[in-house]
């Protein structure tokens, strides 16, 4: 047998990786990865150690929870026409809704009120003396708020308190709420009543329909 004149064939060299390392020259990839891991761990540790400011507590408006507030049973009446309700002034001829406090242990200073229209804008009375009042069980005023421009929206707990009542007084089911809507008849207009958390509380209740 004659030998192959081409001689022995050397095996092809293994393909080499032509992609260069993306790390900076002289900076090994392992060291770069270690630096990233250490920096990330430091950020996580700092976030865990630094104190976070407390978020405002939500004003729960259901029958359960430590700060539950539930109101209902709105009844429409007219000041000076047989209604026992008392508004901030209860101007004769003003329409007023009286609402029962079904369940609550919330202090007066932590709640405010709002009346909305069917389109969810703030209701504004064009006449009369609109406002809100919280009544004692004997029908006398415990706290009251009068609107300066007809708008039934309390931006804060700006109650005027009667003698013996303080911002820290719990608004229990011994109280009731009066909403003075002013001189225009509100029946069937789709208005709603909303509780607002104030002070160290935040959030609003679900709208309660006013018949």
C-alpha atoms as a PDB file:
ATOM      1  CA  UNK A   1       0.000   0.000   0.000  1.00  0.00           C
ATOM      2  CA  UNK A   2       1.342   3.329  -1.026  1.00  0.00           C
ATOM      3  CA  UNK A   3       1.375   6.141   1.419  1.00  0.00           C
ATOM      4  CA  UNK A   4      -0.868   9.135   0.875  1.00  0.00           C
ATOM      5  CA  UNK A   5       1.242  11.711  -0.998  1.00  0.00           C
ATOM      6  CA  UNK A   6      -0.669  14.518   0.828  1.00  0.00           C
ATOM      7  CA  UNK A   7       0.905  13.383   4.024  1.00  0.00           C
ATOM      8  CA  UNK A   8      -0.916  13.361   7.331  1.00  0.00           C
ATOM      9  CA  UNK A   9      -3.733  15.891   7.815  1.00  0.00           C
ATOM     10  CA  UNK A  10      -3.502  17.886  11.011  1.00  0.00           C
ATOM     11  CA  UNK A  11      -6.799  18.375  12.824  1.00  0.00           C
ATOM     12  CA  UNK A  12      -8.432  21.810  12.504  1.00  0.00           C
ATOM     13  CA  UNK A  13      -7.823  24.037  15.465  1.00  0.00           C
ATOM     14  CA  UNK A  14     -10.842  24.585  17.739  1.00  0.00           C
ATOM     15  CA  UNK A  15     -12.763  27.790  16.954  1.00  0.00           C
ATOM     16  CA  UNK A  16     -11.767  30.632  19.207  1.00  0.00           C
ATOM     17  CA  UNK A  17     -14.170  33.050  20.881  1.00  0.00           C
ATOM     18  CA  UNK A  18     -13.795  36.305  19.010  1.00  0.00           C
ATOM     19  CA  UNK A  19     -16.054  38.277  21.363  1.00  0.00           C
ATOM     20  CA  UNK A  20     -13.981  40.353  23.687  1.00  0.00           C
ATOM     21  CA  UNK A  21     -14.843  40.726  27.342  1.00  0.00           C
ATOM     22  CA  UNK A  22     -17.063  43.712  27.978  1.00  0.00           C
ATOM     23  CA  UNK A  23     -15.403  44.445  31.279  1.00  0.00           C
ATOM     24  CA  UNK A  24     -12.900  47.207  31.357  1.00  0.00           C
ATOM     25  CA  UNK A  25      -9.295  46.245  30.554  1.00  0.00           C
ATOM     26  CA  UNK A  26      -7.582  45.012  33.627  1.00  0.00           C
ATOM     27  CA  UNK A  27     -10.886  44.684  35.578  1.00  0.00           C
ATOM     28  CA  UNK A  28     -11.838  40.973  35.814  1.00  0.00           C
ATOM     29  CA  UNK A  29     -15.459  40.082  35.254  1.00  0.00           C
ATOM     30  CA  UNK A  30     -15.611  38.224  38.584  1.00  0.00           C
ATOM     31  CA  UNK A  31     -14.514  41.342  40.460  1.00  0.00           C
ATOM     32  CA  UNK A  32     -17.113  43.469  38.630  1.00  0.00           C
ATOM     33  CA  UNK A  33     -19.883  40.997  39.549  1.00  0.00           C
ATOM     34  CA  UNK A  34     -18.769  40.982  43.177  1.00  0.00           C
ATOM     35  CA  UNK A  35     -18.858  44.804  43.269  1.00  0.00           C
ATOM     36  CA  UNK A  36     -22.444  44.867  41.937  1.00  0.00           C
ATOM     37  CA  UNK A  37     -23.563  42.266  44.497  1.00  0.00           C
ATOM     38  CA  UNK A  38     -21.995  44.173  47.397  1.00  0.00           C
ATOM     39  CA  UNK A  39     -23.534  47.505  46.270  1.00  0.00           C
ATOM     40  CA  UNK A  40     -27.010  45.934  45.944  1.00  0.00           C
ATOM     41  CA  UNK A  41     -26.746  44.358  49.398  1.00  0.00           C
ATOM     42  CA  UNK A  42     -25.771  47.741  50.863  1.00  0.00           C
ATOM     43  CA  UNK A  43     -28.830  49.444  49.316  1.00  0.00           C
ATOM     44  CA  UNK A  44     -31.179  46.753  50.669  1.00  0.00           C
ATOM     45  CA  UNK A  45     -29.640  47.035  54.154  1.00  0.00           C
ATOM     46  CA  UNK A  46     -29.962  50.834  54.112  1.00  0.00           C
ATOM     47  CA  UNK A  47     -33.627  50.628  53.103  1.00  0.00           C
ATOM     48  CA  UNK A  48     -34.299  48.205  55.958  1.00  0.00           C
ATOM     49  CA  UNK A  49     -32.542  50.368  58.558  1.00  0.00           C
ATOM     50  CA  UNK A  50     -33.838  53.831  57.607  1.00  0.00           C
ATOM     51  CA  UNK A  51     -37.176  54.564  59.339  1.00  0.00           C
ATOM     52  CA  UNK A  52     -40.200  55.006  57.091  1.00  0.00           C
ATOM     53  CA  UNK A  53     -42.768  57.731  57.977  1.00  0.00           C
ATOM     54  CA  UNK A  54     -46.078  56.207  59.102  1.00  0.00           C
ATOM     55  CA  UNK A  55     -48.798  56.266  56.466  1.00  0.00           C
ATOM     56  CA  UNK A  56     -52.136  57.885  57.370  1.00  0.00           C
ATOM     57  CA  UNK A  57     -54.561  55.375  58.828  1.00  0.00           C
ATOM     58  CA  UNK A  58     -57.560  54.678  56.659  1.00  0.00           C
ATOM     59  CA  UNK A  59     -60.970  55.608  58.008  1.00  0.00           C
ATOM     60  CA  UNK A  60     -62.879  52.338  57.799  1.00  0.00           C
ATOM     61  CA  UNK A  61     -66.523  52.979  57.064  1.00  0.00           C
ATOM     62  CA  UNK A  62     -68.039  49.549  57.491  1.00  0.00           C
ATOM     63  CA  UNK A  63     -69.632  47.763  60.424  1.00  0.00           C
ATOM     64  CA  UNK A  64     -66.345  46.020  61.234  1.00  0.00           C
ATOM     65  CA  UNK A  65     -62.873  47.240  62.060  1.00  0.00           C
ATOM     66  CA  UNK A  66     -61.486  49.207  65.006  1.00  0.00           C
ATOM     67  CA  UNK A  67     -62.482  52.525  63.501  1.00  0.00           C
ATOM     68  CA  UNK A  68     -65.757  51.642  61.806  1.00  0.00           C
ATOM     69  CA  UNK A  69     -68.299  54.345  61.021  1.00  0.00           C
ATOM     70  CA  UNK A  70     -71.696  53.443  59.631  1.00  0.00           C
ATOM     71  CA  UNK A  71     -74.554  55.874  59.045  1.00  0.00           C
ATOM     72  CA  UNK A  72     -77.920  55.375  57.396  1.00  0.00           C
ATOM     73  CA  UNK A  73     -81.681  55.817  57.353  1.00  0.00           C
ATOM     74  CA  UNK A  74     -81.767  59.389  55.968  1.00  0.00           C
ATOM     75  CA  UNK A  75     -85.135  61.092  56.520  1.00  0.00           C
ATOM     76  CA  UNK A  76     -86.064  64.315  54.707  1.00  0.00           C
ATOM     77  CA  UNK A  77     -87.819  67.102  56.567  1.00  0.00           C
ATOM     78  CA  UNK A  78     -88.278  70.866  56.510  1.00  0.00           C
ATOM     79  CA  UNK A  79     -87.153  73.232  59.248  1.00  0.00           C
ATOM     80  CA  UNK A  80     -90.089  74.738  61.093  1.00  0.00           C
ATOM     81  CA  UNK A  81     -92.615  72.221  59.776  1.00  0.00           C
ATOM     82  CA  UNK A  82     -92.775  69.550  62.448  1.00  0.00           C
ATOM     83  CA  UNK A  83     -89.309  68.109  61.982  1.00  0.00           C
ATOM     84  CA  UNK A  84     -87.415  67.568  65.245  1.00  0.00           C
ATOM     85  CA  UNK A  85     -84.094  68.023  63.465  1.00  0.00           C
ATOM     86  CA  UNK A  86     -81.784  70.882  64.325  1.00  0.00           C
ATOM     87  CA  UNK A  87     -79.385  72.260  61.731  1.00  0.00           C
ATOM     88  CA  UNK A  88     -76.635  74.812  62.483  1.00  0.00           C
ATOM     89  CA  UNK A  89     -79.331  77.491  62.273  1.00  0.00           C
ATOM     90  CA  UNK A  90     -82.225  75.459  60.827  1.00  0.00           C
ATOM     91  CA  UNK A  91     -83.538  78.429  58.894  1.00  0.00           C
ATOM     92  CA  UNK A  92     -87.288  78.037  58.534  1.00  0.00           C
ATOM     93  CA  UNK A  93     -88.070  76.513  55.152  1.00  0.00           C
ATOM     94  CA  UNK A  94     -84.681  74.819  54.663  1.00  0.00           C
ATOM     95  CA  UNK A  95     -84.741  71.140  53.671  1.00  0.00           C
ATOM     96  CA  UNK A  96     -82.822  68.873  56.044  1.00  0.00           C
ATOM     97  CA  UNK A  97     -81.874  65.204  56.086  1.00  0.00           C
ATOM     98  CA  UNK A  98     -81.535  63.457  59.453  1.00  0.00           C
ATOM     99  CA  UNK A  99     -79.230  60.406  59.455  1.00  0.00           C
ATOM    100  CA  UNK A 100     -78.743  57.883  62.224  1.00  0.00           C
ATOM    101  CA  UNK A 101     -75.263  56.895  63.359  1.00  0.00           C
ATOM    102  CA  UNK A 102     -75.583  53.133  63.166  1.00  0.00           C
ATOM    103  CA  UNK A 103     -72.166  52.190  64.509  1.00  0.00           C
ATOM    104  CA  UNK A 104     -69.117  54.261  65.373  1.00  0.00           C
ATOM    105  CA  UNK A 105     -66.420  54.859  67.956  1.00  0.00           C
ATOM    106  CA  UNK A 106     -64.652  57.567  65.955  1.00  0.00           C
ATOM    107  CA  UNK A 107     -63.898  60.946  67.527  1.00  0.00           C
ATOM    108  CA  UNK A 108     -65.508  64.094  66.128  1.00  0.00           C
ATOM    109  CA  UNK A 109     -62.119  65.502  65.115  1.00  0.00           C
ATOM    110  CA  UNK A 110     -61.472  62.565  62.770  1.00  0.00           C
ATOM    111  CA  UNK A 111     -64.555  62.943  60.588  1.00  0.00           C
ATOM    112  CA  UNK A 112     -65.893  65.526  58.177  1.00  0.00           C
ATOM    113  CA  UNK A 113     -68.838  65.445  55.761  1.00  0.00           C
ATOM    114  CA  UNK A 114     -69.595  66.125  52.103  1.00  0.00           C
ATOM    115  CA  UNK A 115     -72.687  66.089  49.881  1.00  0.00           C
ATOM    116  CA  UNK A 116     -72.276  65.135  46.220  1.00  0.00           C
ATOM    117  CA  UNK A 117     -74.481  65.577  43.190  1.00  0.00           C
ATOM    118  CA  UNK A 118     -75.428  62.767  40.815  1.00  0.00           C
ATOM    119  CA  UNK A 119     -72.334  63.675  38.740  1.00  0.00           C
ATOM    120  CA  UNK A 120     -70.073  63.384  41.862  1.00  0.00           C
ATOM    121  CA  UNK A 121     -69.419  67.131  42.094  1.00  0.00           C
ATOM    122  CA  UNK A 122     -69.859  68.949  45.403  1.00  0.00           C
ATOM    123  CA  UNK A 123     -73.424  70.086  46.053  1.00  0.00           C
ATOM    124  CA  UNK A 124     -73.834  73.836  46.494  1.00  0.00           C
ATOM    125  CA  UNK A 125     -77.030  75.406  47.846  1.00  0.00           C
ATOM    126  CA  UNK A 126     -78.111  78.640  46.201  1.00  0.00           C
ATOM    127  CA  UNK A 127     -80.235  79.830  49.136  1.00  0.00           C
ATOM    128  CA  UNK A 128     -80.971  79.128  52.773  1.00  0.00           C
ATOM    129  CA  UNK A 129     -78.306  78.429  55.384  1.00  0.00           C
ATOM    130  CA  UNK A 130     -76.737  75.038  54.491  1.00  0.00           C
ATOM    131  CA  UNK A 131     -74.460  73.122  56.827  1.00  0.00           C
ATOM    132  CA  UNK A 132     -74.001  70.043  58.988  1.00  0.00           C
ATOM    133  CA  UNK A 133     -74.760  69.256  62.615  1.00  0.00           C
ATOM    134  CA  UNK A 134     -74.216  66.368  65.007  1.00  0.00           C
ATOM    135  CA  UNK A 135     -77.071  66.013  67.511  1.00  0.00           C
ATOM    136  CA  UNK A 136     -77.174  64.566  70.997  1.00  0.00           C
ATOM    137  CA  UNK A 137     -79.767  61.922  71.824  1.00  0.00           C
ATOM    138  CA  UNK A 138     -82.053  64.666  73.193  1.00  0.00           C
ATOM    139  CA  UNK A 139     -81.958  66.565  69.881  1.00  0.00           C
ATOM    140  CA  UNK A 140     -79.643  69.374  70.977  1.00  0.00           C
ATOM    141  CA  UNK A 141     -76.603  70.363  68.931  1.00  0.00           C
ATOM    142  CA  UNK A 142     -73.289  68.776  69.968  1.00  0.00           C
ATOM    143  CA  UNK A 143     -71.251  70.141  67.060  1.00  0.00           C
ATOM    144  CA  UNK A 144     -72.086  72.203  63.973  1.00  0.00           C
ATOM    145  CA  UNK A 145     -70.538  73.511  60.786  1.00  0.00           C
ATOM    146  CA  UNK A 146     -72.011  76.239  58.548  1.00  0.00           C
ATOM    147  CA  UNK A 147     -71.115  76.740  54.896  1.00  0.00           C
ATOM    148  CA  UNK A 148     -69.786  80.176  54.003  1.00  0.00           C
ATOM    149  CA  UNK A 149     -70.465  79.898  50.259  1.00  0.00           C
ATOM    150  CA  UNK A 150     -73.289  77.339  50.016  1.00  0.00           C
ATOM    151  CA  UNK A 151     -70.901  74.451  49.242  1.00  0.00           C
ATOM    152  CA  UNK A 152     -71.542  71.390  51.420  1.00  0.00           C
ATOM    153  CA  UNK A 153     -67.933  70.250  51.654  1.00  0.00           C
ATOM    154  CA  UNK A 154     -65.861  70.187  54.831  1.00  0.00           C
ATOM    155  CA  UNK A 155     -62.195  70.227  53.839  1.00  0.00           C
ATOM    156  CA  UNK A 156     -61.260  69.558  57.479  1.00  0.00           C
ATOM    157  CA  UNK A 157     -62.893  68.878  60.827  1.00  0.00           C
ATOM    158  CA  UNK A 158     -63.910  72.493  61.478  1.00  0.00           C
ATOM    159  CA  UNK A 159     -66.664  71.808  63.980  1.00  0.00           C
ATOM    160  CA  UNK A 160     -68.004  74.385  66.401  1.00  0.00           C
ATOM    161  CA  UNK A 161     -68.518  72.476  69.637  1.00  0.00           C
ATOM    162  CA  UNK A 162     -71.173  72.977  72.279  1.00  0.00           C
ATOM    163  CA  UNK A 163     -70.411  73.031  75.990  1.00  0.00           C
ATOM    164  CA  UNK A 164     -69.360  69.623  77.290  1.00  0.00           C
ATOM    165  CA  UNK A 165     -68.323  68.365  73.825  1.00  0.00           C
ATOM    166  CA  UNK A 166     -64.695  68.209  72.636  1.00  0.00           C
ATOM    167  CA  UNK A 167     -62.823  67.118  69.486  1.00  0.00           C
ATOM    168  CA  UNK A 168     -62.026  63.847  71.265  1.00  0.00           C
ATOM    169  CA  UNK A 169     -65.709  63.063  71.930  1.00  0.00           C
ATOM    170  CA  UNK A 170     -66.590  59.682  70.318  1.00  0.00           C
ATOM    171  CA  UNK A 171     -69.346  59.911  67.712  1.00  0.00           C
ATOM    172  CA  UNK A 172     -71.247  56.857  68.944  1.00  0.00           C
ATOM    173  CA  UNK A 173     -74.726  55.649  68.021  1.00  0.00           C
ATOM    174  CA  UNK A 174     -76.119  58.011  70.651  1.00  0.00           C
ATOM    175  CA  UNK A 175     -75.694  60.794  68.092  1.00  0.00           C
ATOM    176  CA  UNK A 176     -77.392  61.599  64.804  1.00  0.00           C
ATOM    177  CA  UNK A 177     -76.378  63.756  61.849  1.00  0.00           C
ATOM    178  CA  UNK A 178     -78.317  66.585  60.223  1.00  0.00           C
ATOM    179  CA  UNK A 179     -77.605  67.832  56.695  1.00  0.00           C
ATOM    180  CA  UNK A 180     -79.142  71.247  55.910  1.00  0.00           C
ATOM    181  CA  UNK A 181     -79.517  71.330  52.110  1.00  0.00           C
ATOM    182  CA  UNK A 182     -80.763  74.906  51.872  1.00  0.00           C
ATOM    183  CA  UNK A 183     -84.028  76.135  50.399  1.00  0.00           C
ATOM    184  CA  UNK A 184     -84.262  73.986  47.210  1.00  0.00           C
ATOM    185  CA  UNK A 185     -86.166  70.677  47.441  1.00  0.00           C
ATOM    186  CA  UNK A 186     -83.500  67.913  47.117  1.00  0.00           C
ATOM    187  CA  UNK A 187     -85.856  64.947  46.820  1.00  0.00           C
ATOM    188  CA  UNK A 188     -85.076  62.609  43.924  1.00  0.00           C
ATOM    189  CA  UNK A 189     -82.075  64.602  42.668  1.00  0.00           C
ATOM    190  CA  UNK A 190     -79.556  61.812  43.216  1.00  0.00           C
ATOM    191  CA  UNK A 191     -77.581  63.507  45.988  1.00  0.00           C
ATOM    192  CA  UNK A 192     -75.278  61.412  48.199  1.00  0.00           C
ATOM    193  CA  UNK A 193     -73.677  61.864  51.605  1.00  0.00           C
ATOM    194  CA  UNK A 194     -69.989  61.007  52.179  1.00  0.00           C
ATOM    195  CA  UNK A 195     -67.901  60.682  55.341  1.00  0.00           C
ATOM    196  CA  UNK A 196     -64.317  61.971  55.099  1.00  0.00           C
ATOM    197  CA  UNK A 197     -61.374  60.917  57.272  1.00  0.00           C
ATOM    198  CA  UNK A 198     -59.449  63.905  58.663  1.00  0.00           C
ATOM    199  CA  UNK A 199     -56.512  64.517  60.988  1.00  0.00           C
ATOM    200  CA  UNK A 200     -54.478  61.326  61.230  1.00  0.00           C
ATOM    201  CA  UNK A 201     -57.006  59.464  59.090  1.00  0.00           C
ATOM    202  CA  UNK A 202     -57.576  59.388  55.345  1.00  0.00           C
ATOM    203  CA  UNK A 203     -60.080  58.078  52.834  1.00  0.00           C
ATOM    204  CA  UNK A 204     -63.807  58.414  52.320  1.00  0.00           C
ATOM    205  CA  UNK A 205     -66.859  56.253  52.803  1.00  0.00           C
ATOM    206  CA  UNK A 206     -69.017  54.870  50.040  1.00  0.00           C
ATOM    207  CA  UNK A 207     -71.654  57.442  49.025  1.00  0.00           C
ATOM    208  CA  UNK A 208     -74.973  57.094  50.884  1.00  0.00           C
ATOM    209  CA  UNK A 209     -77.998  57.934  48.738  1.00  0.00           C
ATOM    210  CA  UNK A 210     -80.187  60.787  49.984  1.00  0.00           C
ATOM    211  CA  UNK A 211     -83.800  60.152  48.870  1.00  0.00           C
END
